[in-house]
């Protein structure tokens, strides 16, 4: 038997929900002063705008690659290790691009929080 004791890890919101259920009192979210509300709205709007740009880029990538491959049928004739270049493009482009896009979006969202 292990000498270490297991500990359940929960988020603060889960703990609040359990505490509210035990006390059976009406719970109200904490109120914010007007300056904090304005700052939170600025950050929210900046992040929403940046998320829309990231989603637009993702859709352009996911829908643009098939269009590009359709417009360049000669890629089917080019072979790399016996595999058509168009097949390699389908595998090699989207996933690294999505990782790069998510990293880019995360950095921009964090920057919006820092400057907001």
PDB file of N, CA and C in Angstrom:
ATOM      1  N   UNK A   1       0.840  -1.182   0.000  1.00  0.00           N
ATOM      2  CA  UNK A   1       0.000   0.000   0.000  1.00  0.00           C
ATOM      3  C   UNK A   1       0.886   1.246   0.000  1.00  0.00           C
ATOM      4  N   UNK A   2       0.465   2.234  -0.748  1.00  0.00           N
ATOM      5  CA  UNK A   2       1.251   3.447  -0.917  1.00  0.00           C
ATOM      6  C   UNK A   2       1.171   4.329   0.328  1.00  0.00           C
ATOM      7  N   UNK A   3       2.292   4.915   0.738  1.00  0.00           N
ATOM      8  CA  UNK A   3       2.261   5.803   1.904  1.00  0.00           C
ATOM      9  C   UNK A   3       1.648   7.165   1.591  1.00  0.00           C
ATOM     10  N   UNK A   4       1.472   7.469   0.291  1.00  0.00           N
ATOM     11  CA  UNK A   4       0.923   8.767  -0.097  1.00  0.00           C
ATOM     12  C   UNK A   4      -0.595   8.729  -0.057  1.00  0.00           C
ATOM     13  N   UNK A   5      -1.157   9.796   0.413  1.00  0.00           N
ATOM     14  CA  UNK A   5      -2.612   9.923   0.479  1.00  0.00           C
ATOM     15  C   UNK A   5      -3.108  10.566  -0.807  1.00  0.00           C
ATOM     16  N   UNK A   6      -4.170  10.050  -1.376  1.00  0.00           N
ATOM     17  CA  UNK A   6      -4.733  10.617  -2.595  1.00  0.00           C
ATOM     18  C   UNK A   6      -5.533  11.858  -2.252  1.00  0.00           C
ATOM     19  N   UNK A   7      -5.421  12.851  -3.110  1.00  0.00           N
ATOM     20  CA  UNK A   7      -6.113  14.115  -2.904  1.00  0.00           C
ATOM     21  C   UNK A   7      -6.891  14.435  -4.172  1.00  0.00           C
ATOM     22  N   UNK A   8      -8.158  14.757  -4.003  1.00  0.00           N
ATOM     23  CA  UNK A   8      -8.964  15.158  -5.149  1.00  0.00           C
ATOM     24  C   UNK A   8      -8.659  16.612  -5.482  1.00  0.00           C
ATOM     25  N   UNK A   9      -8.367  16.881  -6.735  1.00  0.00           N
ATOM     26  CA  UNK A   9      -8.060  18.232  -7.179  1.00  0.00           C
ATOM     27  C   UNK A   9      -9.275  18.749  -7.932  1.00  0.00           C
ATOM     28  N   UNK A  10      -9.818  19.859  -7.447  1.00  0.00           N
ATOM     29  CA  UNK A  10     -10.991  20.449  -8.103  1.00  0.00           C
ATOM     30  C   UNK A  10     -10.745  21.922  -8.325  1.00  0.00           C
ATOM     31  N   UNK A  11     -11.497  22.477  -9.222  1.00  0.00           N
ATOM     32  CA  UNK A  11     -11.349  23.906  -9.502  1.00  0.00           C
ATOM     33  C   UNK A  11     -12.034  24.706  -8.395  1.00  0.00           C
ATOM     34  N   UNK A  12     -11.696  25.978  -8.266  1.00  0.00           N
ATOM     35  CA  UNK A  12     -12.367  26.813  -7.262  1.00  0.00           C
ATOM     36  C   UNK A  12     -13.877  26.894  -7.501  1.00  0.00           C
ATOM     37  N   UNK A  13     -14.304  26.859  -8.754  1.00  0.00           N
ATOM     38  CA  UNK A  13     -15.737  26.921  -9.033  1.00  0.00           C
ATOM     39  C   UNK A  13     -16.445  25.683  -8.511  1.00  0.00           C
ATOM     40  N   UNK A  14     -15.804  24.513  -8.609  1.00  0.00           N
ATOM     41  CA  UNK A  14     -16.407  23.289  -8.093  1.00  0.00           C
ATOM     42  C   UNK A  14     -16.543  23.379  -6.584  1.00  0.00           C
ATOM     43  N   UNK A  15     -15.515  23.881  -5.940  1.00  0.00           N
ATOM     44  CA  UNK A  15     -15.588  24.018  -4.478  1.00  0.00           C
ATOM     45  C   UNK A  15     -16.691  24.996  -4.086  1.00  0.00           C
ATOM     46  N   UNK A  16     -16.837  26.087  -4.840  1.00  0.00           N
ATOM     47  CA  UNK A  16     -17.914  27.037  -4.545  1.00  0.00           C
ATOM     48  C   UNK A  16     -19.278  26.395  -4.727  1.00  0.00           C
ATOM     49  N   UNK A  17     -19.427  25.604  -5.775  1.00  0.00           N
ATOM     50  CA  UNK A  17     -20.710  24.949  -6.022  1.00  0.00           C
ATOM     51  C   UNK A  17     -21.046  23.990  -4.892  1.00  0.00           C
ATOM     52  N   UNK A  18     -20.070  23.230  -4.432  1.00  0.00           N
ATOM     53  CA  UNK A  18     -20.322  22.319  -3.309  1.00  0.00           C
ATOM     54  C   UNK A  18     -20.631  23.089  -2.029  1.00  0.00           C
ATOM     55  N   UNK A  19     -19.920  24.181  -1.808  1.00  0.00           N
ATOM     56  CA  UNK A  19     -20.171  24.982  -0.604  1.00  0.00           C
ATOM     57  C   UNK A  19     -21.566  25.586  -0.641  1.00  0.00           C
ATOM     58  N   UNK A  20     -22.001  26.069  -1.791  1.00  0.00           N
ATOM     59  CA  UNK A  20     -23.350  26.638  -1.906  1.00  0.00           C
ATOM     60  C   UNK A  20     -24.405  25.579  -1.637  1.00  0.00           C
ATOM     61  N   UNK A  21     -24.166  24.377  -2.135  1.00  0.00           N
ATOM     62  CA  UNK A  21     -25.137  23.311  -1.938  1.00  0.00           C
ATOM     63  C   UNK A  21     -25.250  22.952  -0.450  1.00  0.00           C
ATOM     64  N   UNK A  22     -24.143  23.008   0.266  1.00  0.00           N
ATOM     65  CA  UNK A  22     -24.171  22.676   1.690  1.00  0.00           C
ATOM     66  C   UNK A  22     -24.874  23.746   2.512  1.00  0.00           C
ATOM     67  N   UNK A  23     -24.659  25.006   2.164  1.00  0.00           N
ATOM     68  CA  UNK A  23     -25.211  26.087   2.975  1.00  0.00           C
ATOM     69  C   UNK A  23     -26.628  26.464   2.576  1.00  0.00           C
ATOM     70  N   UNK A  24     -27.054  26.089   1.394  1.00  0.00           N
ATOM     71  CA  UNK A  24     -28.413  26.347   0.908  1.00  0.00           C
ATOM     72  C   UNK A  24     -28.793  27.821   0.984  1.00  0.00           C
ATOM     73  N   UNK A  25     -27.841  28.671   0.673  1.00  0.00           N
ATOM     74  CA  UNK A  25     -28.147  30.100   0.645  1.00  0.00           C
ATOM     75  C   UNK A  25     -28.083  30.579  -0.801  1.00  0.00           C
ATOM     76  N   UNK A  26     -28.762  31.651  -1.060  1.00  0.00           N
ATOM     77  CA  UNK A  26     -28.725  32.219  -2.406  1.00  0.00           C
ATOM     78  C   UNK A  26     -27.322  32.750  -2.661  1.00  0.00           C
ATOM     79  N   UNK A  27     -26.776  32.406  -3.782  1.00  0.00           N
ATOM     80  CA  UNK A  27     -25.432  32.834  -4.122  1.00  0.00           C
ATOM     81  C   UNK A  27     -25.510  33.898  -5.193  1.00  0.00           C
ATOM     82  N   UNK A  28     -24.755  34.928  -5.011  1.00  0.00           N
ATOM     83  CA  UNK A  28     -24.670  35.987  -6.003  1.00  0.00           C
ATOM     84  C   UNK A  28     -23.225  36.157  -6.409  1.00  0.00           C
ATOM     85  N   UNK A  29     -23.002  36.379  -7.698  1.00  0.00           N
ATOM     86  CA  UNK A  29     -21.612  36.600  -8.104  1.00  0.00           C
ATOM     87  C   UNK A  29     -21.092  37.885  -7.480  1.00  0.00           C
ATOM     88  N   UNK A  30     -19.809  37.954  -7.220  1.00  0.00           N
ATOM     89  CA  UNK A  30     -19.266  39.184  -6.639  1.00  0.00           C
ATOM     90  C   UNK A  30     -19.439  40.350  -7.602  1.00  0.00           C
ATOM     91  N   UNK A  31     -19.739  41.505  -7.033  1.00  0.00           N
ATOM     92  CA  UNK A  31     -19.900  42.691  -7.874  1.00  0.00           C
ATOM     93  C   UNK A  31     -18.537  43.318  -8.122  1.00  0.00           C
ATOM     94  N   UNK A  32     -18.414  43.947  -9.261  1.00  0.00           N
ATOM     95  CA  UNK A  32     -17.155  44.587  -9.632  1.00  0.00           C
ATOM     96  C   UNK A  32     -17.382  46.087  -9.657  1.00  0.00           C
ATOM     97  N   UNK A  33     -16.337  46.823  -9.361  1.00  0.00           N
ATOM     98  CA  UNK A  33     -16.487  48.270  -9.457  1.00  0.00           C
ATOM     99  C   UNK A  33     -16.478  48.664 -10.935  1.00  0.00           C
ATOM    100  N   UNK A  34     -17.004  49.824 -11.270  1.00  0.00           N
ATOM    101  CA  UNK A  34     -17.147  50.213 -12.681  1.00  0.00           C
ATOM    102  C   UNK A  34     -15.841  50.185 -13.477  1.00  0.00           C
ATOM    103  N   UNK A  35     -14.731  50.518 -12.848  1.00  0.00           N
ATOM    104  CA  UNK A  35     -13.447  50.492 -13.573  1.00  0.00           C
ATOM    105  C   UNK A  35     -13.075  49.066 -13.962  1.00  0.00           C
ATOM    106  N   UNK A  36     -13.310  48.114 -13.058  1.00  0.00           N
ATOM    107  CA  UNK A  36     -13.014  46.715 -13.370  1.00  0.00           C
ATOM    108  C   UNK A  36     -13.936  46.190 -14.464  1.00  0.00           C
ATOM    109  N   UNK A  37     -15.200  46.622 -14.450  1.00  0.00           N
ATOM    110  CA  UNK A  37     -16.143  46.190 -15.479  1.00  0.00           C
ATOM    111  C   UNK A  37     -15.689  46.692 -16.844  1.00  0.00           C
ATOM    112  N   UNK A  38     -15.292  47.948 -16.921  1.00  0.00           N
ATOM    113  CA  UNK A  38     -14.820  48.499 -18.194  1.00  0.00           C
ATOM    114  C   UNK A  38     -13.581  47.754 -18.684  1.00  0.00           C
ATOM    115  N   UNK A  39     -12.657  47.478 -17.771  1.00  0.00           N
ATOM    116  CA  UNK A  39     -11.443  46.765 -18.154  1.00  0.00           C
ATOM    117  C   UNK A  39     -11.777  45.350 -18.616  1.00  0.00           C
ATOM    118  N   UNK A  40     -12.673  44.667 -17.907  1.00  0.00           N
ATOM    119  CA  UNK A  40     -13.062  43.311 -18.302  1.00  0.00           C
ATOM    120  C   UNK A  40     -13.728  43.312 -19.672  1.00  0.00           C
ATOM    121  N   UNK A  41     -14.554  44.305 -19.946  1.00  0.00           N
ATOM    122  CA  UNK A  41     -15.203  44.397 -21.260  1.00  0.00           C
ATOM    123  C   UNK A  41     -14.186  44.668 -22.370  1.00  0.00           C
ATOM    124  N   UNK A  42     -13.195  45.519 -22.088  1.00  0.00           N
ATOM    125  CA  UNK A  42     -12.153  45.778 -23.082  1.00  0.00           C
ATOM    126  C   UNK A  42     -11.374  44.506 -23.408  1.00  0.00           C
ATOM    127  N   UNK A  43     -11.012  43.765 -22.377  1.00  0.00           N
ATOM    128  CA  UNK A  43     -10.261  42.523 -22.590  1.00  0.00           C
ATOM    129  C   UNK A  43     -11.122  41.523 -23.352  1.00  0.00           C
ATOM    130  N   UNK A  44     -12.389  41.411 -22.968  1.00  0.00           N
ATOM    131  CA  UNK A  44     -13.310  40.485 -23.636  1.00  0.00           C
ATOM    132  C   UNK A  44     -13.451  40.837 -25.117  1.00  0.00           C
ATOM    133  N   UNK A  45     -13.639  42.100 -25.417  1.00  0.00           N
ATOM    134  CA  UNK A  45     -13.808  42.512 -26.812  1.00  0.00           C
ATOM    135  C   UNK A  45     -12.521  42.305 -27.612  1.00  0.00           C
ATOM    136  N   UNK A  46     -11.377  42.591 -27.013  1.00  0.00           N
ATOM    137  CA  UNK A  46     -10.101  42.385 -27.707  1.00  0.00           C
ATOM    138  C   UNK A  46      -9.876  40.903 -27.987  1.00  0.00           C
ATOM    139  N   UNK A  47     -10.174  40.064 -26.998  1.00  0.00           N
ATOM    140  CA  UNK A  47      -9.990  38.629 -27.202  1.00  0.00           C
ATOM    141  C   UNK A  47     -10.990  38.076 -28.206  1.00  0.00           C
ATOM    142  N   UNK A  48     -12.202  38.599 -28.204  1.00  0.00           N
ATOM    143  CA  UNK A  48     -13.213  38.139 -29.163  1.00  0.00           C
ATOM    144  C   UNK A  48     -12.798  38.514 -30.590  1.00  0.00           C
ATOM    145  N   UNK A  49     -12.270  39.709 -30.775  1.00  0.00           N
ATOM    146  CA  UNK A  49     -11.798  40.128 -32.091  1.00  0.00           C
ATOM    147  C   UNK A  49     -10.638  39.255 -32.550  1.00  0.00           C
ATOM    148  N   UNK A  50      -9.723  38.979 -31.655  1.00  0.00           N
ATOM    149  CA  UNK A  50      -8.563  38.150 -32.002  1.00  0.00           C
ATOM    150  C   UNK A  50      -8.985  36.708 -32.265  1.00  0.00           C
ATOM    151  N   UNK A  51      -9.980  36.222 -31.542  1.00  0.00           N
ATOM    152  CA  UNK A  51     -10.481  34.867 -31.791  1.00  0.00           C
ATOM    153  C   UNK A  51     -11.149  34.784 -33.155  1.00  0.00           C
ATOM    154  N   UNK A  52     -11.860  35.827 -33.542  1.00  0.00           N
ATOM    155  CA  UNK A  52     -12.492  35.839 -34.867  1.00  0.00           C
ATOM    156  C   UNK A  52     -11.425  35.802 -35.968  1.00  0.00           C
ATOM    157  N   UNK A  53     -10.334  36.514 -35.764  1.00  0.00           N
ATOM    158  CA  UNK A  53      -9.241  36.488 -36.745  1.00  0.00           C
ATOM    159  C   UNK A  53      -8.616  35.094 -36.817  1.00  0.00           C
ATOM    160  N   UNK A  54      -8.427  34.465 -35.660  1.00  0.00           N
ATOM    161  CA  UNK A  54      -7.846  33.117 -35.644  1.00  0.00           C
ATOM    162  C   UNK A  54      -8.794  32.114 -36.306  1.00  0.00           C
ATOM    163  N   UNK A  55     -10.089  32.237 -36.042  1.00  0.00           N
ATOM    164  CA  UNK A  55     -11.056  31.336 -36.682  1.00  0.00           C
ATOM    165  C   UNK A  55     -11.110  31.557 -38.185  1.00  0.00           C
ATOM    166  N   UNK A  56     -11.048  32.798 -38.609  1.00  0.00           N
ATOM    167  CA  UNK A  56     -11.022  33.093 -40.038  1.00  0.00           C
ATOM    168  C   UNK A  56      -9.811  32.477 -40.708  1.00  0.00           C
ATOM    169  N   UNK A  57      -8.664  32.573 -40.048  1.00  0.00           N
ATOM    170  CA  UNK A  57      -7.444  31.977 -40.584  1.00  0.00           C
ATOM    171  C   UNK A  57      -7.565  30.454 -40.645  1.00  0.00           C
ATOM    172  N   UNK A  58      -8.160  29.863 -39.607  1.00  0.00           N
ATOM    173  CA  UNK A  58      -8.349  28.414 -39.590  1.00  0.00           C
ATOM    174  C   UNK A  58      -9.262  27.966 -40.728  1.00  0.00           C
ATOM    175  N   UNK A  59     -10.374  28.661 -40.923  1.00  0.00           N
ATOM    176  CA  UNK A  59     -11.285  28.304 -42.013  1.00  0.00           C
ATOM    177  C   UNK A  59     -10.613  28.500 -43.368  1.00  0.00           C
ATOM    178  N   UNK A  60      -9.824  29.558 -43.517  1.00  0.00           N
ATOM    179  CA  UNK A  60      -9.103  29.775 -44.776  1.00  0.00           C
ATOM    180  C   UNK A  60      -8.136  28.627 -45.037  1.00  0.00           C
ATOM    181  N   UNK A  61      -7.495  28.161 -43.980  1.00  0.00           N
ATOM    182  CA  UNK A  61      -6.564  27.036 -44.122  1.00  0.00           C
ATOM    183  C   UNK A  61      -7.310  25.762 -44.485  1.00  0.00           C
ATOM    184  N   UNK A  62      -8.346  25.447 -43.724  1.00  0.00           N
ATOM    185  CA  UNK A  62      -9.039  24.176 -43.930  1.00  0.00           C
ATOM    186  C   UNK A  62      -9.816  24.124 -45.236  1.00  0.00           C
ATOM    187  N   UNK A  63     -10.384  25.247 -45.654  1.00  0.00           N
ATOM    188  CA  UNK A  63     -11.138  25.250 -46.903  1.00  0.00           C
ATOM    189  C   UNK A  63     -10.286  25.689 -48.091  1.00  0.00           C
ATOM    190  N   UNK A  64      -9.209  26.404 -47.823  1.00  0.00           N
ATOM    191  CA  UNK A  64      -8.347  26.876 -48.901  1.00  0.00           C
ATOM    192  C   UNK A  64      -7.419  25.802 -49.433  1.00  0.00           C
ATOM    193  N   UNK A  65      -6.993  24.884 -48.577  1.00  0.00           N
ATOM    194  CA  UNK A  65      -6.086  23.826 -49.027  1.00  0.00           C
ATOM    195  C   UNK A  65      -6.738  22.933 -50.082  1.00  0.00           C
ATOM    196  N   UNK A  66      -7.968  22.462 -49.894  1.00  0.00           N
ATOM    197  CA  UNK A  66      -8.592  21.671 -50.973  1.00  0.00           C
ATOM    198  C   UNK A  66      -8.760  22.467 -52.266  1.00  0.00           C
ATOM    199  N   UNK A  67      -9.080  23.749 -52.141  1.00  0.00           N
ATOM    200  CA  UNK A  67      -9.213  24.585 -53.338  1.00  0.00           C
ATOM    201  C   UNK A  67      -7.852  24.709 -54.031  1.00  0.00           C
ATOM    202  N   UNK A  68      -6.805  24.932 -53.254  1.00  0.00           N
ATOM    203  CA  UNK A  68      -5.459  25.021 -53.814  1.00  0.00           C
ATOM    204  C   UNK A  68      -5.071  23.719 -54.512  1.00  0.00           C
ATOM    205  N   UNK A  69      -5.372  22.595 -53.876  1.00  0.00           N
ATOM    206  CA  UNK A  69      -5.043  21.304 -54.490  1.00  0.00           C
ATOM    207  C   UNK A  69      -5.851  21.053 -55.751  1.00  0.00           C
ATOM    208  N   UNK A  70      -7.087  21.558 -55.783  1.00  0.00           N
ATOM    209  CA  UNK A  70      -7.912  21.412 -56.977  1.00  0.00           C
ATOM    210  C   UNK A  70      -7.380  22.289 -58.118  1.00  0.00           C
ATOM    211  N   UNK A  71      -6.841  23.448 -57.754  1.00  0.00           N
ATOM    212  CA  UNK A  71      -6.318  24.358 -58.770  1.00  0.00           C
ATOM    213  C   UNK A  71      -4.934  23.955 -59.278  1.00  0.00           C
ATOM    214  N   UNK A  72      -4.259  23.080 -58.558  1.00  0.00           N
ATOM    215  CA  UNK A  72      -2.912  22.654 -58.960  1.00  0.00           C
ATOM    216  C   UNK A  72      -2.879  21.134 -59.125  1.00  0.00           C
ATOM    217  N   UNK A  73      -3.522  20.608 -60.173  1.00  0.00           N
ATOM    218  CA  UNK A  73      -3.541  19.149 -60.366  1.00  0.00           C
ATOM    219  C   UNK A  73      -2.160  18.570 -60.695  1.00  0.00           C
ATOM    220  N   UNK A  74      -1.230  19.418 -61.093  1.00  0.00           N
ATOM    221  CA  UNK A  74       0.115  18.899 -61.396  1.00  0.00           C
ATOM    222  C   UNK A  74       0.832  18.394 -60.148  1.00  0.00           C
ATOM    223  N   UNK A  75       0.366  18.763 -58.962  1.00  0.00           N
ATOM    224  CA  UNK A  75       0.969  18.252 -57.733  1.00  0.00           C
ATOM    225  C   UNK A  75       0.752  16.741 -57.602  1.00  0.00           C
ATOM    226  N   UNK A  76      -0.265  16.213 -58.272  1.00  0.00           N
ATOM    227  CA  UNK A  76      -0.481  14.766 -58.231  1.00  0.00           C
ATOM    228  C   UNK A  76       0.605  14.019 -58.998  1.00  0.00           C
ATOM    229  N   UNK A  77       1.214  14.685 -59.966  1.00  0.00           N
ATOM    230  CA  UNK A  77       2.253  14.042 -60.774  1.00  0.00           C
ATOM    231  C   UNK A  77       3.617  14.083 -60.097  1.00  0.00           C
ATOM    232  N   UNK A  78       3.831  15.046 -59.212  1.00  0.00           N
ATOM    233  CA  UNK A  78       5.113  15.157 -58.500  1.00  0.00           C
ATOM    234  C   UNK A  78       5.100  14.156 -57.354  1.00  0.00           C
ATOM    235  N   UNK A  79       6.127  13.337 -57.306  1.00  0.00           N
ATOM    236  CA  UNK A  79       6.174  12.288 -56.275  1.00  0.00           C
ATOM    237  C   UNK A  79       7.409  12.467 -55.395  1.00  0.00           C
ATOM    238  N   UNK A  80       7.195  12.295 -54.089  1.00  0.00           N
ATOM    239  CA  UNK A  80       8.272  12.325 -53.103  1.00  0.00           C
ATOM    240  C   UNK A  80       8.249  10.974 -52.410  1.00  0.00           C
ATOM    241  N   UNK A  81       9.295  10.176 -52.599  1.00  0.00           N
ATOM    242  CA  UNK A  81       9.365   8.800 -52.083  1.00  0.00           C
ATOM    243  C   UNK A  81       8.157   7.980 -52.542  1.00  0.00           C
ATOM    244  N   UNK A  82       7.712   8.230 -53.766  1.00  0.00           N
ATOM    245  CA  UNK A  82       6.615   7.480 -54.349  1.00  0.00           C
ATOM    246  C   UNK A  82       5.228   7.945 -53.946  1.00  0.00           C
ATOM    247  N   UNK A  83       5.143   9.003 -53.125  1.00  0.00           N
ATOM    248  CA  UNK A  83       3.854   9.519 -52.652  1.00  0.00           C
ATOM    249  C   UNK A  83       3.580  10.839 -53.370  1.00  0.00           C
ATOM    250  N   UNK A  84       2.360  11.015 -53.905  1.00  0.00           N
ATOM    251  CA  UNK A  84       2.056  12.288 -54.578  1.00  0.00           C
ATOM    252  C   UNK A  84       2.199  13.479 -53.627  1.00  0.00           C
ATOM    253  N   UNK A  85       2.713  14.565 -54.170  1.00  0.00           N
ATOM    254  CA  UNK A  85       2.927  15.774 -53.371  1.00  0.00           C
ATOM    255  C   UNK A  85       1.618  16.296 -52.782  1.00  0.00           C
ATOM    256  N   UNK A  86       0.516  16.126 -53.493  1.00  0.00           N
ATOM    257  CA  UNK A  86      -0.773  16.595 -52.964  1.00  0.00           C
ATOM    258  C   UNK A  86      -1.163  15.838 -51.691  1.00  0.00           C
ATOM    259  N   UNK A  87      -0.839  14.551 -51.620  1.00  0.00           N
ATOM    260  CA  UNK A  87      -1.144  13.788 -50.405  1.00  0.00           C
ATOM    261  C   UNK A  87      -0.274  14.264 -49.241  1.00  0.00           C
ATOM    262  N   UNK A  88       0.977  14.530 -49.539  1.00  0.00           N
ATOM    263  CA  UNK A  88       1.882  15.021 -48.489  1.00  0.00           C
ATOM    264  C   UNK A  88       1.393  16.381 -47.983  1.00  0.00           C
ATOM    265  N   UNK A  89       0.908  17.215 -48.908  1.00  0.00           N
ATOM    266  CA  UNK A  89       0.397  18.530 -48.503  1.00  0.00           C
ATOM    267  C   UNK A  89      -0.808  18.388 -47.576  1.00  0.00           C
ATOM    268  N   UNK A  90      -1.667  17.404 -47.850  1.00  0.00           N
ATOM    269  CA  UNK A  90      -2.849  17.194 -47.006  1.00  0.00           C
ATOM    270  C   UNK A  90      -2.447  16.819 -45.585  1.00  0.00           C
ATOM    271  N   UNK A  91      -1.359  16.069 -45.458  1.00  0.00           N
ATOM    272  CA  UNK A  91      -0.922  15.616 -44.134  1.00  0.00           C
ATOM    273  C   UNK A  91       0.013  16.616 -43.473  1.00  0.00           C
ATOM    274  N   UNK A  92       0.934  17.161 -44.233  1.00  0.00           N
ATOM    275  CA  UNK A  92       2.015  17.955 -43.644  1.00  0.00           C
ATOM    276  C   UNK A  92       1.647  19.407 -43.388  1.00  0.00           C
ATOM    277  N   UNK A  93       0.644  19.938 -44.043  1.00  0.00           N
ATOM    278  CA  UNK A  93       0.343  21.363 -43.884  1.00  0.00           C
ATOM    279  C   UNK A  93      -0.659  21.648 -42.764  1.00  0.00           C
ATOM    280  N   UNK A  94      -1.829  20.995 -42.729  1.00  0.00           N
ATOM    281  CA  UNK A  94      -2.853  21.434 -41.762  1.00  0.00           C
ATOM    282  C   UNK A  94      -2.469  21.305 -40.290  1.00  0.00           C
ATOM    283  N   UNK A  95      -1.906  20.176 -39.892  1.00  0.00           N
ATOM    284  CA  UNK A  95      -1.684  19.975 -38.464  1.00  0.00           C
ATOM    285  C   UNK A  95      -0.600  20.891 -37.891  1.00  0.00           C
ATOM    286  N   UNK A  96       0.565  21.000 -38.514  1.00  0.00           N
ATOM    287  CA  UNK A  96       1.528  21.984 -37.998  1.00  0.00           C
ATOM    288  C   UNK A  96       0.994  23.416 -38.068  1.00  0.00           C
ATOM    289  N   UNK A  97       0.225  23.705 -39.114  1.00  0.00           N
ATOM    290  CA  UNK A  97      -0.346  25.056 -39.220  1.00  0.00           C
ATOM    291  C   UNK A  97      -1.344  25.315 -38.097  1.00  0.00           C
ATOM    292  N   UNK A  98      -2.138  24.319 -37.728  1.00  0.00           N
ATOM    293  CA  UNK A  98      -3.090  24.504 -36.627  1.00  0.00           C
ATOM    294  C   UNK A  98      -2.370  24.671 -35.294  1.00  0.00           C
ATOM    295  N   UNK A  99      -1.280  23.949 -35.102  1.00  0.00           N
ATOM    296  CA  UNK A  99      -0.492  24.119 -33.872  1.00  0.00           C
ATOM    297  C   UNK A  99       0.086  25.529 -33.826  1.00  0.00           C
ATOM    298  N   UNK A 100       0.639  25.978 -34.941  1.00  0.00           N
ATOM    299  CA  UNK A 100       1.196  27.335 -34.992  1.00  0.00           C
ATOM    300  C   UNK A 100       0.097  28.376 -34.782  1.00  0.00           C
ATOM    301  N   UNK A 101      -1.064  28.158 -35.381  1.00  0.00           N
ATOM    302  CA  UNK A 101      -2.185  29.081 -35.225  1.00  0.00           C
ATOM    303  C   UNK A 101      -2.666  29.142 -33.774  1.00  0.00           C
ATOM    304  N   UNK A 102      -2.748  27.996 -33.125  1.00  0.00           N
ATOM    305  CA  UNK A 102      -3.192  28.001 -31.721  1.00  0.00           C
ATOM    306  C   UNK A 102      -2.166  28.693 -30.827  1.00  0.00           C
ATOM    307  N   UNK A 103      -0.900  28.480 -31.098  1.00  0.00           N
ATOM    308  CA  UNK A 103       0.155  29.161 -30.326  1.00  0.00           C
ATOM    309  C   UNK A 103       0.071  30.674 -30.540  1.00  0.00           C
ATOM    310  N   UNK A 104      -0.101  31.070 -31.783  1.00  0.00           N
ATOM    311  CA  UNK A 104      -0.229  32.493 -32.125  1.00  0.00           C
ATOM    312  C   UNK A 104      -1.440  33.110 -31.422  1.00  0.00           C
ATOM    313  N   UNK A 105      -2.570  32.400 -31.459  1.00  0.00           N
ATOM    314  CA  UNK A 105      -3.783  32.930 -30.835  1.00  0.00           C
ATOM    315  C   UNK A 105      -3.622  33.018 -29.312  1.00  0.00           C
ATOM    316  N   UNK A 106      -3.027  32.012 -28.704  1.00  0.00           N
ATOM    317  CA  UNK A 106      -2.824  32.030 -27.253  1.00  0.00           C
ATOM    318  C   UNK A 106      -1.963  33.214 -26.843  1.00  0.00           C
ATOM    319  N   UNK A 107      -0.880  33.467 -27.562  1.00  0.00           N
ATOM    320  CA  UNK A 107      -0.006  34.599 -27.232  1.00  0.00           C
ATOM    321  C   UNK A 107      -0.748  35.922 -27.379  1.00  0.00           C
ATOM    322  N   UNK A 108      -1.561  36.049 -28.419  1.00  0.00           N
ATOM    323  CA  UNK A 108      -2.320  37.286 -28.621  1.00  0.00           C
ATOM    324  C   UNK A 108      -3.379  37.464 -27.531  1.00  0.00           C
ATOM    325  N   UNK A 109      -4.027  36.394 -27.107  1.00  0.00           N
ATOM    326  CA  UNK A 109      -5.024  36.483 -26.043  1.00  0.00           C
ATOM    327  C   UNK A 109      -4.370  36.879 -24.722  1.00  0.00           C
ATOM    328  N   UNK A 110      -3.205  36.301 -24.445  1.00  0.00           N
ATOM    329  CA  UNK A 110      -2.490  36.669 -23.217  1.00  0.00           C
ATOM    330  C   UNK A 110      -2.030  38.124 -23.262  1.00  0.00           C
ATOM    331  N   UNK A 111      -1.597  38.574 -24.445  1.00  0.00           N
ATOM    332  CA  UNK A 111      -1.185  39.967 -24.581  1.00  0.00           C
ATOM    333  C   UNK A 111      -2.356  40.916 -24.331  1.00  0.00           C
ATOM    334  N   UNK A 112      -3.550  40.508 -24.792  1.00  0.00           N
ATOM    335  CA  UNK A 112      -4.742  41.342 -24.558  1.00  0.00           C
ATOM    336  C   UNK A 112      -5.047  41.441 -23.062  1.00  0.00           C
ATOM    337  N   UNK A 113      -4.833  40.357 -22.333  1.00  0.00           N
ATOM    338  CA  UNK A 113      -5.048  40.407 -20.881  1.00  0.00           C
ATOM    339  C   UNK A 113      -4.020  41.279 -20.200  1.00  0.00           C
ATOM    340  N   UNK A 114      -2.777  41.193 -20.664  1.00  0.00           N
ATOM    341  CA  UNK A 114      -1.714  41.985 -20.043  1.00  0.00           C
ATOM    342  C   UNK A 114      -1.880  43.471 -20.282  1.00  0.00           C
ATOM    343  N   UNK A 115      -2.334  43.850 -21.473  1.00  0.00           N
ATOM    344  CA  UNK A 115      -2.475  45.269 -21.796  1.00  0.00           C
ATOM    345  C   UNK A 115      -3.855  45.814 -21.420  1.00  0.00           C
ATOM    346  N   UNK A 116      -4.830  44.902 -21.241  1.00  0.00           N
ATOM    347  CA  UNK A 116      -6.209  45.326 -20.947  1.00  0.00           C
ATOM    348  C   UNK A 116      -6.305  45.891 -19.599  1.00  0.00           C
TER     349      UNK A 116
END
